[in-house]
Each structure stands twice: as C-alpha cells, then as structure tokens.
Amino acid sequence: MERARPLFDRRRLLKGALLAAVPYTLLPETRAGAAPQSGDYPLAEWQPATSSNFTESDRPWSYRVNLVVVHVTQTTYTEALDIFRNPAKQVSAHYVVRSADGHVAQCVREADVAWHAGNWDYNTRSIGIEHEGWVDKPAYFTDALYEESAKLTAGICDKYGIPRDRAHIIGHYEVPGSDHTDPGPSWDWTRYMRMVEAM
C-alpha cells in the first residue's frame, strides 16, 4: 500500500518562500499609462468611459442584446473619448471608430448599458458604435472606417445571435423618441450592410 503524501511538503514550502522573496524590481512591469486590457473585442483599444456615464449590468443575462445602433460623433475621435470620460456629460457608447484608419476604441464593456440611444429600452438591448465624423461631411466615412466597423458589427452579431439585417442594425435616427439624424444621409447603408454580411 502506498503511503499518502502530505498536502504541503517541505520542498513546496521552500519554493513558495523563495518566490515570495523575489524582489518586485525583477518582475515584469506594466508600461506607464497603459490601460488594462478589459475589452470584449480583441482588436479594440480599451479607453474606458467614466462610470458616471453608463450603467453597470450583466448583459446578456440582465437584458437580451438584440440591436446594434450606428452613430456619428459630430466631433473628433479624441474629443468623443474625452466626452465619455467627463462625468458631467452623461453619455457614452460601447465603441468609437476612428475615421483615418478604422482604429477601434472600446469605452464601455458590452455587459454594461451605455447611454447612447436616448431611449432606456434601446440602451438596455443594444451595442452602440460611434463613428468619427459629421453627418454632413462624407469624407470622414473612409474605406477603413467602414471596413473596421463592419468587422466589429459582424462580430457583435455573431456573439449575441443578432440577425445581420437593417431591422437589427439601425441608425440613431431610428431609435423611437430620438431627435438625432445620425448617421445621416451620407452614410452608405447598402455598402455597410453588404460588408457586415460578408464578414
């Protein structure tokens, strides 16, 4: 019959003590100013909104996610991120897509409710994606912006089982009670939906 091993033997205790004695200066350190990797979308940079501008939740358990709402920032990419960090603004979106290169920032976890649609019911069941630009300046809607946004939207649709159609991927102007016009008449819905469907 084999003898039972003790849960903690001397060798394990010594190894643990040695590791505990390793000076912190020898351990890898995080880059100064680096944001924690807390995002849901692997291609996004984590740029968190202040917790004053969204509602913590546990979606899709607390609310079913079945919509993507397309927005246009009406400001620059950097300014949009600054607005989401300002507790006085009371607004946020889950993602912001930069015009020049399609770079994606995530500002609110998908499990949480971003304040983007101006309608609580739509906020609870949607992911909001802001796009850098102005509704009356179509030059901001670059190939890179469309491509990276379509890739993001397709991934969200796959994750939550959202149909890739215009009934479930909507503009801010289509939210009941909204007084917004974004993404505006220059947004190419045909092109965008074709790209989302192809991803």
N, C-alpha and C. Protein backbone atom coordinates (compact mmCIF):
# COMPACT_ATOMS: atom_id res chain seq x y z
N MET A 1 0.84 -1.19 0.00
CA MET A 1 0.00 0.00 0.00
C MET A 1 0.88 1.24 0.00
N GLU A 2 0.53 2.21 -0.87
CA GLU A 2 1.34 3.43 -0.99
C GLU A 2 1.00 4.40 0.14
N ARG A 3 2.06 5.03 0.67
CA ARG A 3 1.86 5.98 1.74
C ARG A 3 1.26 7.28 1.21
N ALA A 4 0.27 7.83 1.84
CA ALA A 4 -0.34 9.10 1.42
C ALA A 4 0.65 10.23 1.55
N ARG A 5 0.68 11.10 0.54
CA ARG A 5 1.58 12.26 0.59
C ARG A 5 0.94 13.38 1.38
N PRO A 6 1.72 14.10 2.16
CA PRO A 6 1.16 15.26 2.86
C PRO A 6 0.79 16.34 1.86
N LEU A 7 -0.22 17.13 2.18
CA LEU A 7 -0.65 18.21 1.29
C LEU A 7 0.47 19.22 1.06
N PHE A 8 1.23 19.55 2.07
CA PHE A 8 2.32 20.52 1.96
C PHE A 8 3.61 19.83 2.37
N ASP A 9 4.48 19.60 1.42
CA ASP A 9 5.77 19.05 1.82
C ASP A 9 6.80 20.16 1.93
N ARG A 10 7.93 19.83 2.48
CA ARG A 10 8.96 20.82 2.77
C ARG A 10 9.47 21.51 1.50
N ARG A 11 9.64 20.73 0.42
CA ARG A 11 10.16 21.28 -0.83
C ARG A 11 9.22 22.34 -1.40
N ARG A 12 7.91 22.08 -1.38
CA ARG A 12 6.93 23.05 -1.87
C ARG A 12 6.94 24.32 -1.04
N LEU A 13 7.03 24.17 0.27
CA LEU A 13 7.06 25.35 1.14
C LEU A 13 8.28 26.22 0.87
N LEU A 14 9.44 25.56 0.64
CA LEU A 14 10.66 26.32 0.36
C LEU A 14 10.57 27.05 -0.98
N LYS A 15 10.00 26.38 -2.02
CA LYS A 15 9.83 27.03 -3.31
C LYS A 15 8.92 28.24 -3.19
N GLY A 16 7.84 28.10 -2.44
CA GLY A 16 6.91 29.21 -2.25
C GLY A 16 7.57 30.38 -1.54
N ALA A 17 8.37 30.08 -0.53
CA ALA A 17 9.07 31.14 0.20
C ALA A 17 10.07 31.84 -0.70
N LEU A 18 10.75 31.07 -1.56
CA LEU A 18 11.73 31.66 -2.47
C LEU A 18 11.04 32.61 -3.46
N LEU A 19 9.91 32.16 -4.03
CA LEU A 19 9.19 33.02 -4.96
C LEU A 19 8.69 34.29 -4.27
N ALA A 20 8.25 34.16 -3.03
CA ALA A 20 7.75 35.33 -2.30
C ALA A 20 8.85 36.33 -2.04
N ALA A 21 10.09 35.84 -2.01
CA ALA A 21 11.21 36.73 -1.72
C ALA A 21 11.76 37.43 -2.97
N VAL A 22 11.29 37.05 -4.17
CA VAL A 22 11.77 37.68 -5.40
C VAL A 22 11.43 39.17 -5.36
N PRO A 23 12.43 40.02 -5.53
CA PRO A 23 12.14 41.46 -5.48
C PRO A 23 11.23 41.88 -6.63
N TYR A 24 10.34 42.82 -6.34
CA TYR A 24 9.40 43.30 -7.37
C TYR A 24 10.13 43.91 -8.56
N THR A 25 11.33 44.39 -8.37
CA THR A 25 12.06 45.01 -9.48
C THR A 25 12.41 43.99 -10.55
N LEU A 26 12.43 42.67 -10.21
CA LEU A 26 12.74 41.66 -11.20
C LEU A 26 11.51 41.19 -11.97
N LEU A 27 10.33 41.52 -11.47
CA LEU A 27 9.10 41.11 -12.14
C LEU A 27 8.78 42.06 -13.29
N PRO A 28 8.15 41.52 -14.37
CA PRO A 28 7.79 42.42 -15.48
C PRO A 28 6.79 43.47 -15.00
N GLU A 29 6.99 44.70 -15.44
CA GLU A 29 6.06 45.75 -15.01
C GLU A 29 5.23 46.24 -16.19
N THR A 30 4.09 46.79 -15.87
CA THR A 30 3.21 47.33 -16.91
C THR A 30 3.78 48.66 -17.38
N ARG A 31 3.57 48.94 -18.66
CA ARG A 31 4.02 50.22 -19.19
C ARG A 31 3.28 51.35 -18.51
N ALA A 32 3.98 52.42 -18.28
CA ALA A 32 3.35 53.60 -17.66
C ALA A 32 2.24 54.10 -18.55
N GLY A 33 1.08 54.33 -17.97
CA GLY A 33 -0.05 54.87 -18.71
C GLY A 33 -0.81 53.84 -19.52
N ALA A 34 -0.38 52.58 -19.46
CA ALA A 34 -1.10 51.56 -20.23
C ALA A 34 -2.43 51.26 -19.59
N ALA A 35 -3.46 51.19 -20.41
CA ALA A 35 -4.80 50.89 -19.91
C ALA A 35 -4.94 49.38 -19.75
N PRO A 36 -5.68 48.92 -18.75
CA PRO A 36 -5.86 47.48 -18.59
C PRO A 36 -6.61 46.89 -19.79
N GLN A 37 -6.29 45.66 -20.12
CA GLN A 37 -6.94 45.00 -21.24
C GLN A 37 -8.27 44.44 -20.79
N SER A 38 -9.29 45.27 -20.75
CA SER A 38 -10.59 44.86 -20.22
C SER A 38 -11.65 44.77 -21.29
N GLY A 39 -11.29 44.91 -22.54
CA GLY A 39 -12.28 44.98 -23.60
C GLY A 39 -12.83 43.63 -24.02
N ASP A 40 -13.92 43.68 -24.79
CA ASP A 40 -14.57 42.49 -25.31
C ASP A 40 -14.13 42.15 -26.72
N TYR A 41 -13.74 43.17 -27.47
CA TYR A 41 -13.38 42.99 -28.87
C TYR A 41 -11.85 43.01 -28.97
N PRO A 42 -11.25 41.91 -29.41
CA PRO A 42 -9.78 41.81 -29.36
C PRO A 42 -9.03 42.88 -30.15
N LEU A 43 -9.66 43.47 -31.17
CA LEU A 43 -8.97 44.48 -31.98
C LEU A 43 -9.15 45.90 -31.43
N ALA A 44 -9.86 46.03 -30.31
CA ALA A 44 -10.13 47.37 -29.76
C ALA A 44 -9.12 47.74 -28.68
N GLU A 45 -8.83 49.02 -28.63
CA GLU A 45 -8.03 49.59 -27.55
C GLU A 45 -8.99 49.98 -26.42
N TRP A 46 -8.64 49.64 -25.19
CA TRP A 46 -9.52 49.93 -24.05
C TRP A 46 -9.32 51.39 -23.63
N GLN A 47 -10.37 52.19 -23.78
CA GLN A 47 -10.37 53.62 -23.42
C GLN A 47 -11.63 53.86 -22.59
N PRO A 48 -11.60 53.51 -21.31
CA PRO A 48 -12.84 53.47 -20.53
C PRO A 48 -13.51 54.82 -20.30
N ALA A 49 -14.84 54.78 -20.42
CA ALA A 49 -15.67 55.93 -20.06
C ALA A 49 -15.73 55.99 -18.53
N THR A 50 -16.03 57.17 -17.99
CA THR A 50 -16.21 57.26 -16.55
C THR A 50 -17.46 56.46 -16.16
N SER A 51 -17.42 55.85 -14.98
CA SER A 51 -18.55 55.04 -14.53
C SER A 51 -19.80 55.87 -14.29
N SER A 52 -19.66 57.20 -14.31
CA SER A 52 -20.82 58.09 -14.17
C SER A 52 -21.64 58.16 -15.45
N ASN A 53 -21.10 57.62 -16.56
CA ASN A 53 -21.75 57.77 -17.87
C ASN A 53 -22.32 56.48 -18.45
N PHE A 54 -22.45 55.45 -17.64
CA PHE A 54 -23.09 54.21 -18.09
C PHE A 54 -23.63 53.48 -16.87
N THR A 55 -24.41 52.44 -17.11
CA THR A 55 -24.99 51.65 -16.03
C THR A 55 -24.36 50.27 -16.01
N GLU A 56 -23.78 49.90 -14.88
CA GLU A 56 -23.21 48.56 -14.75
C GLU A 56 -24.33 47.54 -14.83
N SER A 57 -24.05 46.45 -15.53
CA SER A 57 -25.05 45.41 -15.71
C SER A 57 -24.36 44.07 -15.92
N ASP A 58 -25.12 43.08 -16.32
CA ASP A 58 -24.60 41.74 -16.55
C ASP A 58 -25.27 41.17 -17.81
N ARG A 59 -25.24 41.98 -18.87
CA ARG A 59 -25.86 41.53 -20.11
C ARG A 59 -25.03 40.39 -20.71
N PRO A 60 -25.58 39.44 -21.38
CA PRO A 60 -26.97 39.35 -21.80
C PRO A 60 -27.90 38.69 -20.77
N TRP A 61 -27.41 38.45 -19.55
CA TRP A 61 -28.26 37.82 -18.53
C TRP A 61 -29.30 38.81 -17.99
N SER A 62 -28.89 40.03 -17.78
CA SER A 62 -29.82 41.03 -17.23
C SER A 62 -30.76 41.59 -18.31
N TYR A 63 -30.24 41.76 -19.52
CA TYR A 63 -31.02 42.25 -20.66
C TYR A 63 -30.53 41.51 -21.90
N ARG A 64 -31.44 41.14 -22.75
CA ARG A 64 -31.07 40.50 -24.02
C ARG A 64 -30.52 41.55 -24.97
N VAL A 65 -29.39 41.26 -25.60
CA VAL A 65 -28.80 42.19 -26.58
C VAL A 65 -29.24 41.75 -27.97
N ASN A 66 -30.00 42.63 -28.66
CA ASN A 66 -30.50 42.23 -29.98
C ASN A 66 -30.45 43.35 -31.02
N LEU A 67 -29.68 44.42 -30.73
CA LEU A 67 -29.55 45.53 -31.67
C LEU A 67 -28.12 46.07 -31.67
N VAL A 68 -27.73 46.63 -32.81
CA VAL A 68 -26.52 47.46 -32.91
C VAL A 68 -27.01 48.82 -33.39
N VAL A 69 -26.61 49.88 -32.69
CA VAL A 69 -27.00 51.24 -33.08
C VAL A 69 -25.77 51.97 -33.62
N VAL A 70 -25.90 52.45 -34.86
CA VAL A 70 -24.83 53.15 -35.56
C VAL A 70 -24.97 54.66 -35.31
N HIS A 71 -23.89 55.28 -34.84
CA HIS A 71 -23.86 56.71 -34.53
C HIS A 71 -22.73 57.40 -35.31
N VAL A 72 -22.81 58.71 -35.38
CA VAL A 72 -21.70 59.54 -35.84
C VAL A 72 -21.44 60.56 -34.73
N THR A 73 -20.17 60.75 -34.40
CA THR A 73 -19.79 61.53 -33.21
C THR A 73 -20.13 63.02 -33.26
N GLN A 74 -20.13 63.60 -34.45
CA GLN A 74 -20.27 65.05 -34.60
C GLN A 74 -19.12 65.79 -33.91
N THR A 75 -18.00 65.11 -33.80
CA THR A 75 -16.77 65.67 -33.24
C THR A 75 -15.63 64.74 -33.64
N THR A 76 -14.44 65.04 -33.16
CA THR A 76 -13.29 64.19 -33.48
C THR A 76 -13.28 62.94 -32.60
N TYR A 77 -12.51 61.99 -33.00
CA TYR A 77 -12.33 60.74 -32.24
C TYR A 77 -11.85 61.05 -30.82
N THR A 78 -10.80 61.87 -30.71
CA THR A 78 -10.22 62.20 -29.41
C THR A 78 -11.22 62.93 -28.53
N GLU A 79 -11.95 63.86 -29.10
CA GLU A 79 -12.94 64.61 -28.34
C GLU A 79 -14.08 63.69 -27.86
N ALA A 80 -14.47 62.74 -28.69
CA ALA A 80 -15.51 61.79 -28.29
C ALA A 80 -15.06 61.00 -27.06
N LEU A 81 -13.81 60.53 -27.07
CA LEU A 81 -13.29 59.80 -25.90
C LEU A 81 -13.26 60.70 -24.67
N ASP A 82 -12.88 61.97 -24.85
CA ASP A 82 -12.87 62.92 -23.73
C ASP A 82 -14.28 63.15 -23.17
N ILE A 83 -15.26 63.22 -24.05
CA ILE A 83 -16.65 63.41 -23.61
C ILE A 83 -17.09 62.23 -22.76
N PHE A 84 -16.75 61.02 -23.17
CA PHE A 84 -17.15 59.83 -22.41
C PHE A 84 -16.45 59.75 -21.05
N ARG A 85 -15.30 60.42 -20.93
CA ARG A 85 -14.57 60.44 -19.65
C ARG A 85 -15.06 61.55 -18.71
N ASN A 86 -15.89 62.45 -19.23
CA ASN A 86 -16.36 63.60 -18.45
C ASN A 86 -17.68 63.25 -17.76
N PRO A 87 -17.70 63.15 -16.42
CA PRO A 87 -18.92 62.75 -15.73
C PRO A 87 -20.08 63.72 -15.91
N ALA A 88 -19.81 64.95 -16.27
CA ALA A 88 -20.90 65.92 -16.45
C ALA A 88 -21.67 65.68 -17.75
N LYS A 89 -21.12 64.92 -18.68
CA LYS A 89 -21.75 64.75 -20.00
C LYS A 89 -22.89 63.74 -20.02
N GLN A 90 -22.86 62.74 -19.14
CA GLN A 90 -23.94 61.76 -19.04
C GLN A 90 -24.22 61.05 -20.37
N VAL A 91 -23.15 60.64 -21.05
CA VAL A 91 -23.29 59.95 -22.33
C VAL A 91 -22.08 59.03 -22.54
N SER A 92 -22.31 57.96 -23.28
CA SER A 92 -21.22 57.05 -23.64
C SER A 92 -21.70 56.14 -24.77
N ALA A 93 -20.77 55.43 -25.35
CA ALA A 93 -21.09 54.37 -26.31
C ALA A 93 -20.11 53.24 -26.03
N HIS A 94 -20.43 52.07 -26.51
CA HIS A 94 -19.53 50.95 -26.27
C HIS A 94 -18.23 51.10 -27.06
N TYR A 95 -18.36 51.57 -28.31
CA TYR A 95 -17.19 51.67 -29.19
C TYR A 95 -17.15 53.01 -29.93
N VAL A 96 -15.92 53.40 -30.30
CA VAL A 96 -15.71 54.55 -31.18
C VAL A 96 -14.73 54.10 -32.28
N VAL A 97 -15.08 54.37 -33.54
CA VAL A 97 -14.24 54.00 -34.67
C VAL A 97 -13.64 55.27 -35.26
N ARG A 98 -12.31 55.29 -35.41
CA ARG A 98 -11.60 56.46 -35.93
C ARG A 98 -11.68 56.48 -37.46
N SER A 99 -11.84 57.66 -38.02
CA SER A 99 -12.01 57.84 -39.46
C SER A 99 -10.78 57.46 -40.27
N ALA A 100 -9.62 57.98 -39.89
CA ALA A 100 -8.42 57.87 -40.73
C ALA A 100 -8.00 56.43 -41.01
N ASP A 101 -8.08 55.57 -39.98
CA ASP A 101 -7.54 54.22 -40.13
C ASP A 101 -8.47 53.13 -39.62
N GLY A 102 -9.66 53.49 -39.15
CA GLY A 102 -10.60 52.48 -38.66
C GLY A 102 -10.25 51.94 -37.28
N HIS A 103 -9.30 52.56 -36.61
CA HIS A 103 -8.92 52.11 -35.27
C HIS A 103 -10.14 52.14 -34.35
N VAL A 104 -10.31 51.09 -33.54
CA VAL A 104 -11.48 50.95 -32.68
C VAL A 104 -11.06 51.11 -31.22
N ALA A 105 -11.79 51.95 -30.50
CA ALA A 105 -11.63 52.07 -29.04
C ALA A 105 -12.90 51.53 -28.39
N GLN A 106 -12.72 50.76 -27.32
CA GLN A 106 -13.88 50.34 -26.54
C GLN A 106 -13.92 51.18 -25.27
N CYS A 107 -15.09 51.75 -24.98
CA CYS A 107 -15.24 52.66 -23.85
C CYS A 107 -16.13 52.10 -22.74
N VAL A 108 -17.01 51.18 -23.08
CA VAL A 108 -17.92 50.56 -22.12
C VAL A 108 -17.96 49.08 -22.42
N ARG A 109 -17.88 48.25 -21.38
CA ARG A 109 -17.98 46.80 -21.58
C ARG A 109 -19.35 46.46 -22.17
N GLU A 110 -19.40 45.47 -23.02
CA GLU A 110 -20.66 45.06 -23.63
C GLU A 110 -21.67 44.59 -22.60
N ALA A 111 -21.21 44.07 -21.49
CA ALA A 111 -22.12 43.62 -20.42
C ALA A 111 -22.84 44.79 -19.77
N ASP A 112 -22.27 45.98 -19.87
CA ASP A 112 -22.85 47.17 -19.25
C ASP A 112 -23.72 47.93 -20.26
N VAL A 113 -24.58 48.79 -19.72
CA VAL A 113 -25.51 49.56 -20.55
C VAL A 113 -24.92 50.95 -20.81
N ALA A 114 -24.50 51.19 -22.04
CA ALA A 114 -24.00 52.52 -22.42
C ALA A 114 -25.19 53.45 -22.63
N TRP A 115 -24.97 54.73 -22.39
CA TRP A 115 -26.03 55.74 -22.56
C TRP A 115 -25.84 56.43 -23.91
N HIS A 116 -26.32 55.81 -24.97
CA HIS A 116 -26.05 56.31 -26.32
C HIS A 116 -27.30 56.56 -27.16
N ALA A 117 -28.38 55.85 -26.88
CA ALA A 117 -29.53 55.90 -27.78
C ALA A 117 -30.56 56.95 -27.41
N GLY A 118 -30.53 57.45 -26.17
CA GLY A 118 -31.53 58.41 -25.73
C GLY A 118 -32.87 57.75 -25.44
N ASN A 119 -32.85 56.43 -25.28
CA ASN A 119 -34.06 55.65 -25.02
C ASN A 119 -33.62 54.47 -24.16
N TRP A 120 -34.09 54.42 -22.92
CA TRP A 120 -33.60 53.41 -21.97
C TRP A 120 -33.79 51.99 -22.49
N ASP A 121 -34.96 51.69 -23.05
CA ASP A 121 -35.22 50.35 -23.57
C ASP A 121 -34.20 49.98 -24.65
N TYR A 122 -33.93 50.89 -25.56
CA TYR A 122 -32.95 50.61 -26.62
C TYR A 122 -31.54 50.54 -26.07
N ASN A 123 -31.22 51.36 -25.08
CA ASN A 123 -29.90 51.27 -24.44
C ASN A 123 -29.67 49.89 -23.84
N THR A 124 -30.69 49.36 -23.15
CA THR A 124 -30.50 48.09 -22.45
C THR A 124 -30.27 46.93 -23.39
N ARG A 125 -30.77 47.02 -24.62
CA ARG A 125 -30.67 45.86 -25.51
C ARG A 125 -29.82 46.10 -26.75
N SER A 126 -28.94 47.09 -26.68
CA SER A 126 -28.13 47.38 -27.86
C SER A 126 -26.67 47.61 -27.52
N ILE A 127 -25.86 47.50 -28.55
CA ILE A 127 -24.44 47.91 -28.52
C ILE A 127 -24.36 49.17 -29.37
N GLY A 128 -23.80 50.24 -28.81
CA GLY A 128 -23.67 51.50 -29.54
C GLY A 128 -22.28 51.67 -30.12
N ILE A 129 -22.22 51.98 -31.41
CA ILE A 129 -20.93 52.20 -32.10
C ILE A 129 -20.93 53.61 -32.66
N GLU A 130 -20.04 54.44 -32.15
CA GLU A 130 -19.83 55.80 -32.66
C GLU A 130 -18.78 55.77 -33.76
N HIS A 131 -18.97 56.61 -34.77
CA HIS A 131 -18.01 56.73 -35.88
C HIS A 131 -17.56 58.18 -35.94
N GLU A 132 -16.25 58.38 -35.96
CA GLU A 132 -15.73 59.74 -36.01
C GLU A 132 -16.21 60.45 -37.27
N GLY A 133 -16.70 61.66 -37.09
CA GLY A 133 -17.10 62.45 -38.24
C GLY A 133 -18.32 63.30 -37.98
N TRP A 134 -18.82 63.87 -39.06
CA TRP A 134 -20.00 64.72 -39.04
C TRP A 134 -20.97 64.21 -40.10
N VAL A 135 -22.26 64.31 -39.83
CA VAL A 135 -23.25 63.77 -40.78
C VAL A 135 -23.20 64.47 -42.13
N ASP A 136 -22.74 65.73 -42.16
CA ASP A 136 -22.69 66.48 -43.42
C ASP A 136 -21.29 66.55 -44.03
N LYS A 137 -20.38 65.68 -43.56
CA LYS A 137 -19.01 65.63 -44.11
C LYS A 137 -18.68 64.19 -44.48
N PRO A 138 -19.14 63.74 -45.64
CA PRO A 138 -18.97 62.33 -46.02
C PRO A 138 -17.52 61.87 -46.15
N ALA A 139 -16.59 62.80 -46.29
CA ALA A 139 -15.18 62.40 -46.41
C ALA A 139 -14.70 61.65 -45.16
N TYR A 140 -15.37 61.84 -44.04
CA TYR A 140 -14.99 61.13 -42.81
C TYR A 140 -15.34 59.64 -42.88
N PHE A 141 -16.25 59.26 -43.77
CA PHE A 141 -16.66 57.86 -43.87
C PHE A 141 -15.73 57.14 -44.84
N THR A 142 -14.53 56.86 -44.35
CA THR A 142 -13.47 56.28 -45.17
C THR A 142 -13.67 54.78 -45.35
N ASP A 143 -12.92 54.23 -46.31
CA ASP A 143 -12.94 52.77 -46.52
C ASP A 143 -12.55 52.05 -45.23
N ALA A 144 -11.51 52.55 -44.57
CA ALA A 144 -11.03 51.91 -43.34
C ALA A 144 -12.10 51.95 -42.24
N LEU A 145 -12.79 53.07 -42.11
CA LEU A 145 -13.84 53.19 -41.11
C LEU A 145 -14.96 52.19 -41.39
N TYR A 146 -15.43 52.13 -42.64
CA TYR A 146 -16.48 51.17 -42.99
C TYR A 146 -16.03 49.73 -42.72
N GLU A 147 -14.82 49.41 -43.16
CA GLU A 147 -14.34 48.03 -43.05
C GLU A 147 -14.20 47.59 -41.59
N GLU A 148 -13.56 48.41 -40.78
CA GLU A 148 -13.35 48.02 -39.38
C GLU A 148 -14.66 48.03 -38.60
N SER A 149 -15.54 48.96 -38.90
CA SER A 149 -16.84 48.99 -38.23
C SER A 149 -17.67 47.76 -38.62
N ALA A 150 -17.65 47.40 -39.90
CA ALA A 150 -18.41 46.23 -40.36
C ALA A 150 -17.88 44.96 -39.70
N LYS A 151 -16.57 44.88 -39.54
CA LYS A 151 -15.96 43.72 -38.88
C LYS A 151 -16.42 43.65 -37.41
N LEU A 152 -16.43 44.80 -36.73
CA LEU A 152 -16.88 44.88 -35.35
C LEU A 152 -18.35 44.49 -35.24
N THR A 153 -19.20 45.06 -36.10
CA THR A 153 -20.62 44.77 -36.06
C THR A 153 -20.90 43.30 -36.34
N ALA A 154 -20.22 42.73 -37.31
CA ALA A 154 -20.40 41.30 -37.62
C ALA A 154 -20.04 40.44 -36.41
N GLY A 155 -18.96 40.80 -35.73
CA GLY A 155 -18.56 40.05 -34.54
C GLY A 155 -19.59 40.14 -33.42
N ILE A 156 -20.15 41.33 -33.24
CA ILE A 156 -21.20 41.53 -32.22
C ILE A 156 -22.43 40.70 -32.58
N CYS A 157 -22.82 40.73 -33.85
CA CYS A 157 -23.98 39.95 -34.29
C CYS A 157 -23.77 38.46 -34.04
N ASP A 158 -22.58 37.97 -34.36
CA ASP A 158 -22.29 36.54 -34.13
C ASP A 158 -22.33 36.21 -32.64
N LYS A 159 -21.77 37.06 -31.84
CA LYS A 159 -21.68 36.80 -30.39
C LYS A 159 -23.05 36.70 -29.74
N TYR A 160 -23.97 37.58 -30.14
CA TYR A 160 -25.28 37.65 -29.49
C TYR A 160 -26.41 37.04 -30.32
N GLY A 161 -26.09 36.47 -31.47
CA GLY A 161 -27.13 35.89 -32.32
C GLY A 161 -28.05 36.94 -32.93
N ILE A 162 -27.50 38.11 -33.23
CA ILE A 162 -28.28 39.20 -33.82
C ILE A 162 -28.31 39.02 -35.33
N PRO A 163 -29.47 39.02 -35.95
CA PRO A 163 -29.52 38.93 -37.42
C PRO A 163 -28.79 40.12 -38.05
N ARG A 164 -28.08 39.84 -39.13
CA ARG A 164 -27.34 40.89 -39.83
C ARG A 164 -28.25 41.57 -40.84
N ASP A 165 -29.23 42.29 -40.33
CA ASP A 165 -30.16 42.98 -41.22
C ASP A 165 -30.49 44.36 -40.66
N ARG A 166 -31.19 45.17 -41.46
CA ARG A 166 -31.48 46.56 -41.09
C ARG A 166 -32.53 46.68 -39.99
N ALA A 167 -33.20 45.59 -39.69
CA ALA A 167 -34.14 45.63 -38.56
C ALA A 167 -33.38 45.56 -37.24
N HIS A 168 -32.14 45.04 -37.27
CA HIS A 168 -31.36 44.85 -36.05
C HIS A 168 -30.07 45.67 -36.01
N ILE A 169 -29.69 46.23 -37.14
CA ILE A 169 -28.54 47.15 -37.22
C ILE A 169 -29.14 48.46 -37.69
N ILE A 170 -29.29 49.39 -36.77
CA ILE A 170 -30.08 50.60 -37.05
C ILE A 170 -29.25 51.86 -36.83
N GLY A 171 -29.74 52.95 -37.40
CA GLY A 171 -29.14 54.26 -37.16
C GLY A 171 -29.74 54.89 -35.92
N HIS A 172 -29.01 55.81 -35.34
CA HIS A 172 -29.50 56.52 -34.15
C HIS A 172 -30.84 57.19 -34.45
N TYR A 173 -31.01 57.69 -35.66
CA TYR A 173 -32.25 58.37 -36.03
C TYR A 173 -33.46 57.44 -36.00
N GLU A 174 -33.24 56.14 -36.00
CA GLU A 174 -34.34 55.18 -36.00
C GLU A 174 -34.79 54.77 -34.59
N VAL A 175 -34.11 55.28 -33.57
CA VAL A 175 -34.49 54.97 -32.19
C VAL A 175 -35.72 55.80 -31.84
N PRO A 176 -36.80 55.19 -31.36
CA PRO A 176 -38.01 55.95 -31.00
C PRO A 176 -37.71 57.06 -29.99
N GLY A 177 -38.23 58.24 -30.28
CA GLY A 177 -38.04 59.38 -29.39
C GLY A 177 -36.75 60.15 -29.62
N SER A 178 -35.91 59.67 -30.54
CA SER A 178 -34.63 60.34 -30.79
C SER A 178 -34.83 61.58 -31.66
N ASP A 179 -34.06 62.63 -31.33
CA ASP A 179 -34.08 63.82 -32.17
C ASP A 179 -32.79 63.92 -32.99
N HIS A 180 -32.03 62.82 -33.04
CA HIS A 180 -30.77 62.79 -33.78
C HIS A 180 -31.00 62.37 -35.22
N THR A 181 -30.08 62.76 -36.09
CA THR A 181 -30.17 62.41 -37.50
C THR A 181 -29.06 61.45 -37.94
N ASP A 182 -28.15 61.13 -37.03
CA ASP A 182 -27.02 60.29 -37.42
C ASP A 182 -27.43 58.83 -37.63
N PRO A 183 -26.75 58.16 -38.55
CA PRO A 183 -25.50 58.56 -39.20
C PRO A 183 -25.65 59.50 -40.39
N GLY A 184 -26.86 59.88 -40.72
CA GLY A 184 -27.07 60.91 -41.75
C GLY A 184 -27.19 60.35 -43.16
N PRO A 185 -27.57 61.23 -44.11
CA PRO A 185 -27.83 60.79 -45.48
C PRO A 185 -26.58 60.36 -46.25
N SER A 186 -25.40 60.74 -45.78
CA SER A 186 -24.17 60.35 -46.48
C SER A 186 -23.67 58.96 -46.08
N TRP A 187 -24.24 58.41 -45.03
CA TRP A 187 -23.84 57.06 -44.61
C TRP A 187 -24.39 56.07 -45.64
N ASP A 188 -23.51 55.23 -46.18
CA ASP A 188 -23.88 54.28 -47.24
C ASP A 188 -24.33 52.96 -46.61
N TRP A 189 -25.64 52.89 -46.32
CA TRP A 189 -26.18 51.69 -45.67
C TRP A 189 -26.05 50.46 -46.55
N THR A 190 -26.23 50.60 -47.85
CA THR A 190 -26.14 49.45 -48.74
C THR A 190 -24.74 48.86 -48.69
N ARG A 191 -23.75 49.71 -48.82
CA ARG A 191 -22.36 49.26 -48.75
C ARG A 191 -22.05 48.65 -47.39
N TYR A 192 -22.45 49.33 -46.33
CA TYR A 192 -22.15 48.89 -44.98
C TYR A 192 -22.76 47.51 -44.70
N MET A 193 -24.03 47.34 -45.03
CA MET A 193 -24.69 46.08 -44.76
C MET A 193 -24.11 44.95 -45.60
N ARG A 194 -23.72 45.25 -46.82
CA ARG A 194 -23.06 44.26 -47.66
C ARG A 194 -21.76 43.79 -47.01
N MET A 195 -21.02 44.74 -46.45
CA MET A 195 -19.75 44.41 -45.79
C MET A 195 -20.00 43.60 -44.51
N VAL A 196 -20.98 43.99 -43.72
CA VAL A 196 -21.30 43.25 -42.49
C VAL A 196 -21.70 41.82 -42.84
N GLU A 197 -22.53 41.65 -43.86
CA GLU A 197 -22.97 40.31 -44.26
C GLU A 197 -21.84 39.47 -44.77
N ALA A 198 -20.81 40.10 -45.39
CA ALA A 198 -19.69 39.35 -45.97
C ALA A 198 -18.64 38.94 -44.94
N MET A 199 -18.67 39.54 -43.75
CA MET A 199 -17.62 39.25 -42.74
C MET A 199 -17.82 37.89 -42.11
